[in-house]
């Protein structure tokens, strides 16, 4: 799990399983999930 977390955070993978939770009021976190500024920043969820 620790190696998986490290490789996921640095986008060092071809394909992974992932789960993004959702609420009835999505907000700022959406930029971290799929915003363009987060694509090249380690540690976001724009995997």
ModelCIF file with pLDDT and N, C-alpha, C, O atoms, coordinates in Angstrom:
data_MODEL
#
_entry.id   MODEL 
#
_entity.id                         1 
_entity.type                       polymer 
_entity.pdbx_number_of_molecules   1 
#
_entity_poly.entity_id                      1 
_entity_poly.type                           'polypeptide(L)' 
_entity_poly.nstd_linkage                   no 
_entity_poly.nstd_monomer                   no 
_entity_poly.pdbx_seq_one_letter_code       
;(UNK)(UNK)(UNK)(UNK)(UNK)(UNK)(UNK)(UNK)(UNK)(UNK)(UNK)(UNK)(UNK)(UNK)(UNK)(UNK)
(UNK)(UNK)(UNK)(UNK)(UNK)(UNK)(UNK)(UNK)(UNK)(UNK)(UNK)(UNK)(UNK)(UNK)(UNK)(UNK)
(UNK)(UNK)(UNK)(UNK)(UNK)(UNK)(UNK)(UNK)(UNK)(UNK)(UNK)(UNK)(UNK)(UNK)(UNK)
;
_entity_poly.pdbx_seq_one_letter_code_can   XXXXXXXXXXXXXXXXXXXXXXXXXXXXXXXXXXXXXXXXXXXXXXX 
_entity_poly.pdbx_strand_id                 A 
#
loop_
_entity_poly_seq.entity_id 
_entity_poly_seq.num 
_entity_poly_seq.mon_id 
_entity_poly_seq.hetero 
1 1  UNK n 
1 2  UNK n 
1 3  UNK n 
1 4  UNK n 
1 5  UNK n 
1 6  UNK n 
1 7  UNK n 
1 8  UNK n 
1 9  UNK n 
1 10 UNK n 
1 11 UNK n 
1 12 UNK n 
1 13 UNK n 
1 14 UNK n 
1 15 UNK n 
1 16 UNK n 
1 17 UNK n 
1 18 UNK n 
1 19 UNK n 
1 20 UNK n 
1 21 UNK n 
1 22 UNK n 
1 23 UNK n 
1 24 UNK n 
1 25 UNK n 
1 26 UNK n 
1 27 UNK n 
1 28 UNK n 
1 29 UNK n 
1 30 UNK n 
1 31 UNK n 
1 32 UNK n 
1 33 UNK n 
1 34 UNK n 
1 35 UNK n 
1 36 UNK n 
1 37 UNK n 
1 38 UNK n 
1 39 UNK n 
1 40 UNK n 
1 41 UNK n 
1 42 UNK n 
1 43 UNK n 
1 44 UNK n 
1 45 UNK n 
1 46 UNK n 
1 47 UNK n 
#
_struct_asym.id          A 
_struct_asym.entity_id   1 
#
loop_
_ma_qa_metric.id 
_ma_qa_metric.mode 
_ma_qa_metric.name 
_ma_qa_metric.software_group_id 
_ma_qa_metric.type 
1 global pLDDT . pLDDT 
2 local  pLDDT . pLDDT 
#
_ma_qa_metric_global.metric_id      1 
_ma_qa_metric_global.metric_value   92.66 
_ma_qa_metric_global.model_id       1 
_ma_qa_metric_global.ordinal_id     1 
#
loop_
_ma_qa_metric_local.label_asym_id 
_ma_qa_metric_local.label_comp_id 
_ma_qa_metric_local.label_seq_id 
_ma_qa_metric_local.metric_id 
_ma_qa_metric_local.metric_value 
_ma_qa_metric_local.model_id 
_ma_qa_metric_local.ordinal_id 
A UNK 1  2 83.00 1 1  
A UNK 2  2 80.00 1 2  
A UNK 3  2 91.00 1 3  
A UNK 4  2 92.00 1 4  
A UNK 5  2 87.00 1 5  
A UNK 6  2 90.00 1 6  
A UNK 7  2 94.00 1 7  
A UNK 8  2 94.00 1 8  
A UNK 9  2 89.00 1 9  
A UNK 10 2 93.00 1 10 
A UNK 11 2 96.00 1 11 
A UNK 12 2 97.00 1 12 
A UNK 13 2 98.00 1 13 
A UNK 14 2 98.00 1 14 
A UNK 15 2 98.00 1 15 
A UNK 16 2 98.00 1 16 
A UNK 17 2 98.00 1 17 
A UNK 18 2 97.00 1 18 
A UNK 19 2 97.00 1 19 
A UNK 20 2 97.00 1 20 
A UNK 21 2 94.00 1 21 
A UNK 22 2 95.00 1 22 
A UNK 23 2 93.00 1 23 
A UNK 24 2 94.00 1 24 
A UNK 25 2 93.00 1 25 
A UNK 26 2 95.00 1 26 
A UNK 27 2 90.00 1 27 
A UNK 28 2 87.00 1 28 
A UNK 29 2 90.00 1 29 
A UNK 30 2 95.00 1 30 
A UNK 31 2 92.00 1 31 
A UNK 32 2 89.00 1 32 
A UNK 33 2 95.00 1 33 
A UNK 34 2 96.00 1 34 
A UNK 35 2 94.00 1 35 
A UNK 36 2 94.00 1 36 
A UNK 37 2 91.00 1 37 
A UNK 38 2 92.00 1 38 
A UNK 39 2 94.00 1 39 
A UNK 40 2 91.00 1 40 
A UNK 41 2 88.00 1 41 
A UNK 42 2 88.00 1 42 
A UNK 43 2 83.00 1 43 
A UNK 44 2 88.00 1 44 
A UNK 45 2 94.00 1 45 
A UNK 46 2 96.00 1 46 
A UNK 47 2 97.00 1 47 
#
loop_
_atom_site.group_PDB 
_atom_site.id 
_atom_site.type_symbol 
_atom_site.label_atom_id 
_atom_site.label_alt_id 
_atom_site.label_comp_id 
_atom_site.label_asym_id 
_atom_site.label_entity_id 
_atom_site.label_seq_id 
_atom_site.pdbx_PDB_ins_code 
_atom_site.Cartn_x 
_atom_site.Cartn_y 
_atom_site.Cartn_z 
_atom_site.occupancy 
_atom_site.B_iso_or_equiv 
_atom_site.pdbx_formal_charge 
_atom_site.auth_seq_id 
_atom_site.auth_comp_id 
_atom_site.auth_asym_id 
_atom_site.auth_atom_id 
_atom_site.pdbx_PDB_model_num 
ATOM 1   N N  . UNK A 1 1  ? 0.810   -1.219 0.000   1.00 83.00 ? 1  UNK A N  1 
ATOM 2   C CA . UNK A 1 1  ? 0.000   0.000  0.000   1.00 83.00 ? 1  UNK A CA 1 
ATOM 3   C C  . UNK A 1 1  ? 0.841   1.266  0.000   1.00 83.00 ? 1  UNK A C  1 
ATOM 4   O O  . UNK A 1 1  ? 0.462   2.247  -0.639  1.00 83.00 ? 1  UNK A O  1 
ATOM 5   N N  . UNK A 1 2  ? 1.965   1.273  0.694   1.00 80.00 ? 2  UNK A N  1 
ATOM 6   C CA . UNK A 1 2  ? 2.801   2.471  0.741   1.00 80.00 ? 2  UNK A CA 1 
ATOM 7   C C  . UNK A 1 2  ? 3.425   2.757  -0.622  1.00 80.00 ? 2  UNK A C  1 
ATOM 8   O O  . UNK A 1 2  ? 3.486   3.910  -1.048  1.00 80.00 ? 2  UNK A O  1 
ATOM 9   N N  . UNK A 1 3  ? 3.890   1.706  -1.312  1.00 91.00 ? 3  UNK A N  1 
ATOM 10  C CA . UNK A 1 3  ? 4.462   1.899  -2.637  1.00 91.00 ? 3  UNK A CA 1 
ATOM 11  C C  . UNK A 1 3  ? 3.389   2.337  -3.635  1.00 91.00 ? 3  UNK A C  1 
ATOM 12  O O  . UNK A 1 3  ? 3.631   3.184  -4.494  1.00 91.00 ? 3  UNK A O  1 
ATOM 13  N N  . UNK A 1 4  ? 2.205   1.747  -3.507  1.00 92.00 ? 4  UNK A N  1 
ATOM 14  C CA . UNK A 1 4  ? 1.100   2.142  -4.374  1.00 92.00 ? 4  UNK A CA 1 
ATOM 15  C C  . UNK A 1 4  ? 0.767   3.618  -4.178  1.00 92.00 ? 4  UNK A C  1 
ATOM 16  O O  . UNK A 1 4  ? 0.580   4.357  -5.144  1.00 92.00 ? 4  UNK A O  1 
ATOM 17  N N  . UNK A 1 5  ? 0.697   4.033  -2.919  1.00 87.00 ? 5  UNK A N  1 
ATOM 18  C CA . UNK A 1 5  ? 0.377   5.429  -2.626  1.00 87.00 ? 5  UNK A CA 1 
ATOM 19  C C  . UNK A 1 5  ? 1.432   6.364  -3.213  1.00 87.00 ? 5  UNK A C  1 
ATOM 20  O O  . UNK A 1 5  ? 1.096   7.394  -3.797  1.00 87.00 ? 5  UNK A O  1 
ATOM 21  N N  . UNK A 1 6  ? 2.698   6.008  -3.058  1.00 90.00 ? 6  UNK A N  1 
ATOM 22  C CA . UNK A 1 6  ? 3.772   6.840  -3.574  1.00 90.00 ? 6  UNK A CA 1 
ATOM 23  C C  . UNK A 1 6  ? 3.706   6.945  -5.102  1.00 90.00 ? 6  UNK A C  1 
ATOM 24  O O  . UNK A 1 6  ? 3.836   8.037  -5.655  1.00 90.00 ? 6  UNK A O  1 
ATOM 25  N N  . UNK A 1 7  ? 3.509   5.832  -5.771  1.00 94.00 ? 7  UNK A N  1 
ATOM 26  C CA . UNK A 1 7  ? 3.465   5.851  -7.225  1.00 94.00 ? 7  UNK A CA 1 
ATOM 27  C C  . UNK A 1 7  ? 2.205   6.555  -7.733  1.00 94.00 ? 7  UNK A C  1 
ATOM 28  O O  . UNK A 1 7  ? 2.236   7.217  -8.770  1.00 94.00 ? 7  UNK A O  1 
ATOM 29  N N  . UNK A 1 8  ? 1.118   6.413  -7.015  1.00 94.00 ? 8  UNK A N  1 
ATOM 30  C CA . UNK A 1 8  ? -0.105  7.114  -7.421  1.00 94.00 ? 8  UNK A CA 1 
ATOM 31  C C  . UNK A 1 8  ? 0.052   8.627  -7.264  1.00 94.00 ? 8  UNK A C  1 
ATOM 32  O O  . UNK A 1 8  ? -0.367  9.393  -8.131  1.00 94.00 ? 8  UNK A O  1 
ATOM 33  N N  . UNK A 1 9  ? 0.655   9.050  -6.156  1.00 89.00 ? 9  UNK A N  1 
ATOM 34  C CA . UNK A 1 9  ? 0.828   10.483 -5.906  1.00 89.00 ? 9  UNK A CA 1 
ATOM 35  C C  . UNK A 1 9  ? 1.741   11.143 -6.926  1.00 89.00 ? 9  UNK A C  1 
ATOM 36  O O  . UNK A 1 9  ? 1.588   12.329 -7.218  1.00 89.00 ? 9  UNK A O  1 
ATOM 37  N N  . UNK A 1 10 ? 2.685   10.392 -7.467  1.00 93.00 ? 10 UNK A N  1 
ATOM 38  C CA . UNK A 1 10 ? 3.628   10.951 -8.447  1.00 93.00 ? 10 UNK A CA 1 
ATOM 39  C C  . UNK A 1 10 ? 3.271   10.541 -9.874  1.00 93.00 ? 10 UNK A C  1 
ATOM 40  O O  . UNK A 1 10 ? 4.043   10.795 -10.799 1.00 93.00 ? 10 UNK A O  1 
ATOM 41  N N  . UNK A 1 11 ? 2.126   9.919  -10.062 1.00 96.00 ? 11 UNK A N  1 
ATOM 42  C CA . UNK A 1 11 ? 1.614   9.532  -11.379 1.00 96.00 ? 11 UNK A CA 1 
ATOM 43  C C  . UNK A 1 11 ? 2.568   8.581  -12.099 1.00 96.00 ? 11 UNK A C  1 
ATOM 44  O O  . UNK A 1 11 ? 2.714   8.633  -13.320 1.00 96.00 ? 11 UNK A O  1 
ATOM 45  N N  . UNK A 1 12 ? 3.216   7.712  -11.320 1.00 97.00 ? 12 UNK A N  1 
ATOM 46  C CA . UNK A 1 12 ? 4.173   6.754  -11.865 1.00 97.00 ? 12 UNK A CA 1 
ATOM 47  C C  . UNK A 1 12 ? 3.451   5.431  -12.117 1.00 97.00 ? 12 UNK A C  1 
ATOM 48  O O  . UNK A 1 12 ? 3.713   4.435  -11.443 1.00 97.00 ? 12 UNK A O  1 
ATOM 49  N N  . UNK A 1 13 ? 2.551   5.428  -13.082 1.00 98.00 ? 13 UNK A N  1 
ATOM 50  C CA . UNK A 1 13 ? 1.784   4.230  -13.406 1.00 98.00 ? 13 UNK A CA 1 
ATOM 51  C C  . UNK A 1 13 ? 1.221   4.383  -14.814 1.00 98.00 ? 13 UNK A C  1 
ATOM 52  O O  . UNK A 1 13 ? 1.155   5.488  -15.352 1.00 98.00 ? 13 UNK A O  1 
ATOM 53  N N  . UNK A 1 14 ? 0.820   3.271  -15.397 1.00 98.00 ? 14 UNK A N  1 
ATOM 54  C CA . UNK A 1 14 ? 0.081   3.290  -16.656 1.00 98.00 ? 14 UNK A CA 1 
ATOM 55  C C  . UNK A 1 14 ? -1.419  3.273  -16.391 1.00 98.00 ? 14 UNK A C  1 
ATOM 56  O O  . UNK A 1 14 ? -2.177  4.065  -16.949 1.00 98.00 ? 14 UNK A O  1 
ATOM 57  N N  . UNK A 1 15 ? -1.828  2.341  -15.517 1.00 98.00 ? 15 UNK A N  1 
ATOM 58  C CA . UNK A 1 15 ? -3.248  2.204  -15.181 1.00 98.00 ? 15 UNK A CA 1 
ATOM 59  C C  . UNK A 1 15 ? -3.360  1.775  -13.728 1.00 98.00 ? 15 UNK A C  1 
ATOM 60  O O  . UNK A 1 15 ? -2.555  0.976  -13.248 1.00 98.00 ? 15 UNK A O  1 
ATOM 61  N N  . UNK A 1 16 ? -4.349  2.300  -13.031 1.00 98.00 ? 16 UNK A N  1 
ATOM 62  C CA . UNK A 1 16 ? -4.624  1.921  -11.648 1.00 98.00 ? 16 UNK A CA 1 
ATOM 63  C C  . UNK A 1 16 ? -6.138  1.823  -11.443 1.00 98.00 ? 16 UNK A C  1 
ATOM 64  O O  . UNK A 1 16 ? -6.922  2.288  -12.270 1.00 98.00 ? 16 UNK A O  1 
ATOM 65  N N  . UNK A 1 17 ? -6.526  1.214  -10.336 1.00 98.00 ? 17 UNK A N  1 
ATOM 66  C CA . UNK A 1 17 ? -7.884  1.329  -9.833  1.00 98.00 ? 17 UNK A CA 1 
ATOM 67  C C  . UNK A 1 17 ? -7.950  2.557  -8.930  1.00 98.00 ? 17 UNK A C  1 
ATOM 68  O O  . UNK A 1 17 ? -6.997  2.851  -8.208  1.00 98.00 ? 17 UNK A O  1 
ATOM 69  N N  . UNK A 1 18 ? -9.063  3.265  -8.968  1.00 97.00 ? 18 UNK A N  1 
ATOM 70  C CA . UNK A 1 18 ? -9.242  4.373  -8.037  1.00 97.00 ? 18 UNK A CA 1 
ATOM 71  C C  . UNK A 1 18 ? -10.727 4.602  -7.798  1.00 97.00 ? 18 UNK A C  1 
ATOM 72  O O  . UNK A 1 18 ? -11.580 4.231  -8.605  1.00 97.00 ? 18 UNK A O  1 
ATOM 73  N N  . UNK A 1 19 ? -11.004 5.234  -6.650  1.00 97.00 ? 19 UNK A N  1 
ATOM 74  C CA . UNK A 1 19 ? -12.377 5.628  -6.323  1.00 97.00 ? 19 UNK A CA 1 
ATOM 75  C C  . UNK A 1 19 ? -12.391 7.096  -5.957  1.00 97.00 ? 19 UNK A C  1 
ATOM 76  O O  . UNK A 1 19 ? -11.647 7.532  -5.077  1.00 97.00 ? 19 UNK A O  1 
ATOM 77  N N  . UNK A 1 20 ? -13.243 7.866  -6.636  1.00 97.00 ? 20 UNK A N  1 
ATOM 78  C CA . UNK A 1 20 ? -13.495 9.249  -6.273  1.00 97.00 ? 20 UNK A CA 1 
ATOM 79  C C  . UNK A 1 20 ? -14.879 9.321  -5.632  1.00 97.00 ? 20 UNK A C  1 
ATOM 80  O O  . UNK A 1 20 ? -15.877 8.977  -6.266  1.00 97.00 ? 20 UNK A O  1 
ATOM 81  N N  . UNK A 1 21 ? -14.938 9.763  -4.387  1.00 94.00 ? 21 UNK A N  1 
ATOM 82  C CA . UNK A 1 21 ? -16.233 9.936  -3.745  1.00 94.00 ? 21 UNK A CA 1 
ATOM 83  C C  . UNK A 1 21 ? -16.929 11.154 -4.334  1.00 94.00 ? 21 UNK A C  1 
ATOM 84  O O  . UNK A 1 21 ? -16.288 11.990 -4.970  1.00 94.00 ? 21 UNK A O  1 
ATOM 85  N N  . UNK A 1 22 ? -18.231 11.256 -4.128  1.00 95.00 ? 22 UNK A N  1 
ATOM 86  C CA . UNK A 1 22 ? -19.001 12.385 -4.638  1.00 95.00 ? 22 UNK A CA 1 
ATOM 87  C C  . UNK A 1 22 ? -20.089 12.739 -3.642  1.00 95.00 ? 22 UNK A C  1 
ATOM 88  O O  . UNK A 1 22 ? -20.577 11.883 -2.904  1.00 95.00 ? 22 UNK A O  1 
ATOM 89  N N  . UNK A 1 23 ? -20.459 14.002 -3.630  1.00 93.00 ? 23 UNK A N  1 
ATOM 90  C CA . UNK A 1 23 ? -21.530 14.474 -2.761  1.00 93.00 ? 23 UNK A CA 1 
ATOM 91  C C  . UNK A 1 23 ? -22.597 15.156 -3.609  1.00 93.00 ? 23 UNK A C  1 
ATOM 92  O O  . UNK A 1 23 ? -22.438 15.300 -4.821  1.00 93.00 ? 23 UNK A O  1 
ATOM 93  N N  . UNK A 1 24 ? -23.679 15.574 -2.969  1.00 94.00 ? 24 UNK A N  1 
ATOM 94  C CA . UNK A 1 24 ? -24.729 16.312 -3.668  1.00 94.00 ? 24 UNK A CA 1 
ATOM 95  C C  . UNK A 1 24 ? -24.341 17.757 -3.918  1.00 94.00 ? 24 UNK A C  1 
ATOM 96  O O  . UNK A 1 24 ? -25.070 18.495 -4.579  1.00 94.00 ? 24 UNK A O  1 
ATOM 97  N N  . UNK A 1 25 ? -23.189 18.163 -3.389  1.00 93.00 ? 25 UNK A N  1 
ATOM 98  C CA . UNK A 1 25 ? -22.727 19.532 -3.580  1.00 93.00 ? 25 UNK A CA 1 
ATOM 99  C C  . UNK A 1 25 ? -21.226 19.545 -3.845  1.00 93.00 ? 25 UNK A C  1 
ATOM 100 O O  . UNK A 1 25 ? -20.462 20.069 -3.033  1.00 93.00 ? 25 UNK A O  1 
ATOM 101 N N  . UNK A 1 26 ? -20.790 18.976 -4.971  1.00 95.00 ? 26 UNK A N  1 
ATOM 102 C CA . UNK A 1 26 ? -19.357 19.031 -5.287  1.00 95.00 ? 26 UNK A CA 1 
ATOM 103 C C  . UNK A 1 26 ? -18.891 20.473 -5.389  1.00 95.00 ? 26 UNK A C  1 
ATOM 104 O O  . UNK A 1 26 ? -19.633 21.351 -5.830  1.00 95.00 ? 26 UNK A O  1 
ATOM 105 N N  . UNK A 1 27 ? -17.637 20.707 -4.971  1.00 90.00 ? 27 UNK A N  1 
ATOM 106 C CA . UNK A 1 27 ? -17.139 22.074 -4.926  1.00 90.00 ? 27 UNK A CA 1 
ATOM 107 C C  . UNK A 1 27 ? -15.692 22.178 -5.332  1.00 90.00 ? 27 UNK A C  1 
ATOM 108 O O  . UNK A 1 27 ? -15.276 21.659 -6.369  1.00 90.00 ? 27 UNK A O  1 
ATOM 109 N N  . UNK A 1 28 ? -14.912 22.875 -4.475  1.00 87.00 ? 28 UNK A N  1 
ATOM 110 C CA . UNK A 1 28 ? -13.517 23.160 -4.806  1.00 87.00 ? 28 UNK A CA 1 
ATOM 111 C C  . UNK A 1 28 ? -12.690 21.918 -5.106  1.00 87.00 ? 28 UNK A C  1 
ATOM 112 O O  . UNK A 1 28 ? -11.737 21.974 -5.884  1.00 87.00 ? 28 UNK A O  1 
ATOM 113 N N  . UNK A 1 29 ? -13.057 20.793 -4.486  1.00 90.00 ? 29 UNK A N  1 
ATOM 114 C CA . UNK A 1 29 ? -12.248 19.589 -4.669  1.00 90.00 ? 29 UNK A CA 1 
ATOM 115 C C  . UNK A 1 29 ? -12.246 19.114 -6.119  1.00 90.00 ? 29 UNK A C  1 
ATOM 116 O O  . UNK A 1 29 ? -11.361 18.359 -6.522  1.00 90.00 ? 29 UNK A O  1 
ATOM 117 N N  . UNK A 1 30 ? -13.230 19.551 -6.905  1.00 95.00 ? 30 UNK A N  1 
ATOM 118 C CA . UNK A 1 30 ? -13.278 19.121 -8.299  1.00 95.00 ? 30 UNK A CA 1 
ATOM 119 C C  . UNK A 1 30 ? -12.055 19.604 -9.084  1.00 95.00 ? 30 UNK A C  1 
ATOM 120 O O  . UNK A 1 30 ? -11.614 18.941 -10.023 1.00 95.00 ? 30 UNK A O  1 
ATOM 121 N N  . UNK A 1 31 ? -11.514 20.752 -8.698  1.00 92.00 ? 31 UNK A N  1 
ATOM 122 C CA . UNK A 1 31 ? -10.298 21.242 -9.358  1.00 92.00 ? 31 UNK A CA 1 
ATOM 123 C C  . UNK A 1 31 ? -9.123  20.322 -9.093  1.00 92.00 ? 31 UNK A C  1 
ATOM 124 O O  . UNK A 1 31 ? -8.237  20.182 -9.936  1.00 92.00 ? 31 UNK A O  1 
ATOM 125 N N  . UNK A 1 32 ? -9.108  19.689 -7.921  1.00 89.00 ? 32 UNK A N  1 
ATOM 126 C CA . UNK A 1 32 ? -8.034  18.751 -7.583  1.00 89.00 ? 32 UNK A CA 1 
ATOM 127 C C  . UNK A 1 32 ? -8.252  17.397 -8.232  1.00 89.00 ? 32 UNK A C  1 
ATOM 128 O O  . UNK A 1 32 ? -7.310  16.625 -8.415  1.00 89.00 ? 32 UNK A O  1 
ATOM 129 N N  . UNK A 1 33 ? -9.501  17.114 -8.579  1.00 95.00 ? 33 UNK A N  1 
ATOM 130 C CA . UNK A 1 33 ? -9.800  15.839 -9.221  1.00 95.00 ? 33 UNK A CA 1 
ATOM 131 C C  . UNK A 1 33 ? -9.492  15.880 -10.713 1.00 95.00 ? 33 UNK A C  1 
ATOM 132 O O  . UNK A 1 33 ? -8.914  14.938 -11.255 1.00 95.00 ? 33 UNK A O  1 
ATOM 133 N N  . UNK A 1 34 ? -9.880  16.983 -11.386 1.00 96.00 ? 34 UNK A N  1 
ATOM 134 C CA . UNK A 1 34 ? -9.722  17.011 -12.844 1.00 96.00 ? 34 UNK A CA 1 
ATOM 135 C C  . UNK A 1 34 ? -9.402  18.389 -13.411 1.00 96.00 ? 34 UNK A C  1 
ATOM 136 O O  . UNK A 1 34 ? -9.523  18.584 -14.621 1.00 96.00 ? 34 UNK A O  1 
ATOM 137 N N  . UNK A 1 35 ? -9.009  19.329 -12.606 1.00 94.00 ? 35 UNK A N  1 
ATOM 138 C CA . UNK A 1 35 ? -8.618  20.633 -13.115 1.00 94.00 ? 35 UNK A CA 1 
ATOM 139 C C  . UNK A 1 35 ? -7.266  20.593 -13.809 1.00 94.00 ? 35 UNK A C  1 
ATOM 140 O O  . UNK A 1 35 ? -6.379  19.842 -13.404 1.00 94.00 ? 35 UNK A O  1 
ATOM 141 N N  . UNK A 1 36 ? -7.104  21.406 -14.863 1.00 94.00 ? 36 UNK A N  1 
ATOM 142 C CA . UNK A 1 36 ? -5.867  21.392 -15.642 1.00 94.00 ? 36 UNK A CA 1 
ATOM 143 C C  . UNK A 1 36 ? -4.640  21.753 -14.833 1.00 94.00 ? 36 UNK A C  1 
ATOM 144 O O  . UNK A 1 36 ? -3.560  21.212 -15.070 1.00 94.00 ? 36 UNK A O  1 
ATOM 145 N N  . UNK A 1 37 ? -4.791  22.672 -13.868 1.00 91.00 ? 37 UNK A N  1 
ATOM 146 C CA . UNK A 1 37 ? -3.641  23.091 -13.061 1.00 91.00 ? 37 UNK A CA 1 
ATOM 147 C C  . UNK A 1 37 ? -3.124  21.963 -12.179 1.00 91.00 ? 37 UNK A C  1 
ATOM 148 O O  . UNK A 1 37 ? -1.967  21.986 -11.758 1.00 91.00 ? 37 UNK A O  1 
ATOM 149 N N  . UNK A 1 38 ? -3.964  20.985 -11.898 1.00 92.00 ? 38 UNK A N  1 
ATOM 150 C CA . UNK A 1 38 ? -3.558  19.891 -11.008 1.00 92.00 ? 38 UNK A CA 1 
ATOM 151 C C  . UNK A 1 38 ? -2.921  18.724 -11.758 1.00 92.00 ? 38 UNK A C  1 
ATOM 152 O O  . UNK A 1 38 ? -2.386  17.805 -11.137 1.00 92.00 ? 38 UNK A O  1 
ATOM 153 N N  . UNK A 1 39 ? -2.975  18.755 -13.069 1.00 94.00 ? 39 UNK A N  1 
ATOM 154 C CA . UNK A 1 39 ? -2.518  17.589 -13.843 1.00 94.00 ? 39 UNK A CA 1 
ATOM 155 C C  . UNK A 1 39 ? -1.030  17.320 -13.680 1.00 94.00 ? 39 UNK A C  1 
ATOM 156 O O  . UNK A 1 39 ? -0.604  16.165 -13.699 1.00 94.00 ? 39 UNK A O  1 
ATOM 157 N N  . UNK A 1 40 ? -0.239  18.369 -13.522 1.00 91.00 ? 40 UNK A N  1 
ATOM 158 C CA . UNK A 1 40 ? 1.218   18.210 -13.436 1.00 91.00 ? 40 UNK A CA 1 
ATOM 159 C C  . UNK A 1 40 ? 1.762   18.504 -12.046 1.00 91.00 ? 40 UNK A C  1 
ATOM 160 O O  . UNK A 1 40 ? 2.964   18.706 -11.874 1.00 91.00 ? 40 UNK A O  1 
ATOM 161 N N  . UNK A 1 41 ? 0.878   18.529 -11.058 1.00 88.00 ? 41 UNK A N  1 
ATOM 162 C CA . UNK A 1 41 ? 1.278   18.776 -9.683  1.00 88.00 ? 41 UNK A CA 1 
ATOM 163 C C  . UNK A 1 41 ? 1.158   17.488 -8.886  1.00 88.00 ? 41 UNK A C  1 
ATOM 164 O O  . UNK A 1 41 ? 0.059   16.949 -8.755  1.00 88.00 ? 41 UNK A O  1 
ATOM 165 N N  . UNK A 1 42 ? 2.252   16.991 -8.357  1.00 88.00 ? 42 UNK A N  1 
ATOM 166 C CA . UNK A 1 42 ? 2.212   15.763 -7.567  1.00 88.00 ? 42 UNK A CA 1 
ATOM 167 C C  . UNK A 1 42 ? 1.268   15.920 -6.380  1.00 88.00 ? 42 UNK A C  1 
ATOM 168 O O  . UNK A 1 42 ? 1.182   16.986 -5.769  1.00 88.00 ? 42 UNK A O  1 
ATOM 169 N N  . UNK A 1 43 ? 0.567   14.838 -6.068  1.00 83.00 ? 43 UNK A N  1 
ATOM 170 C CA . UNK A 1 43 ? -0.249  14.820 -4.865  1.00 83.00 ? 43 UNK A CA 1 
ATOM 171 C C  . UNK A 1 43 ? -1.688  15.218 -5.061  1.00 83.00 ? 43 UNK A C  1 
ATOM 172 O O  . UNK A 1 43 ? -2.452  15.186 -4.097  1.00 83.00 ? 43 UNK A O  1 
ATOM 173 N N  . UNK A 1 44 ? -2.107  15.597 -6.270  1.00 88.00 ? 44 UNK A N  1 
ATOM 174 C CA . UNK A 1 44 ? -3.520  15.871 -6.495  1.00 88.00 ? 44 UNK A CA 1 
ATOM 175 C C  . UNK A 1 44 ? -4.229  14.559 -6.803  1.00 88.00 ? 44 UNK A C  1 
ATOM 176 O O  . UNK A 1 44 ? -3.613  13.493 -6.800  1.00 88.00 ? 44 UNK A O  1 
ATOM 177 N N  . UNK A 1 45 ? -5.531  14.647 -7.069  1.00 94.00 ? 45 UNK A N  1 
ATOM 178 C CA . UNK A 1 45 ? -6.284  13.437 -7.424  1.00 94.00 ? 45 UNK A CA 1 
ATOM 179 C C  . UNK A 1 45 ? -6.635  13.406 -8.907  1.00 94.00 ? 45 UNK A C  1 
ATOM 180 O O  . UNK A 1 45 ? -7.498  12.639 -9.336  1.00 94.00 ? 45 UNK A O  1 
ATOM 181 N N  . UNK A 1 46 ? -5.952  14.253 -9.686  1.00 96.00 ? 46 UNK A N  1 
ATOM 182 C CA . UNK A 1 46 ? -6.115  14.206 -11.136 1.00 96.00 ? 46 UNK A CA 1 
ATOM 183 C C  . UNK A 1 46 ? -5.193  13.125 -11.683 1.00 96.00 ? 46 UNK A C  1 
ATOM 184 O O  . UNK A 1 46 ? -4.232  13.403 -12.400 1.00 96.00 ? 46 UNK A O  1 
ATOM 185 N N  . UNK A 1 47 ? -5.509  11.897 -11.327 1.00 97.00 ? 47 UNK A N  1 
ATOM 186 C CA . UNK A 1 47 ? -4.635  10.780 -11.655 1.00 97.00 ? 47 UNK A CA 1 
ATOM 187 C C  . UNK A 1 47 ? -4.573  10.527 -13.159 1.00 97.00 ? 47 UNK A C  1 
ATOM 188 O O  . UNK A 1 47 ? -3.875  9.615  -13.604 1.00 97.00 ? 47 UNK A O  1 
#
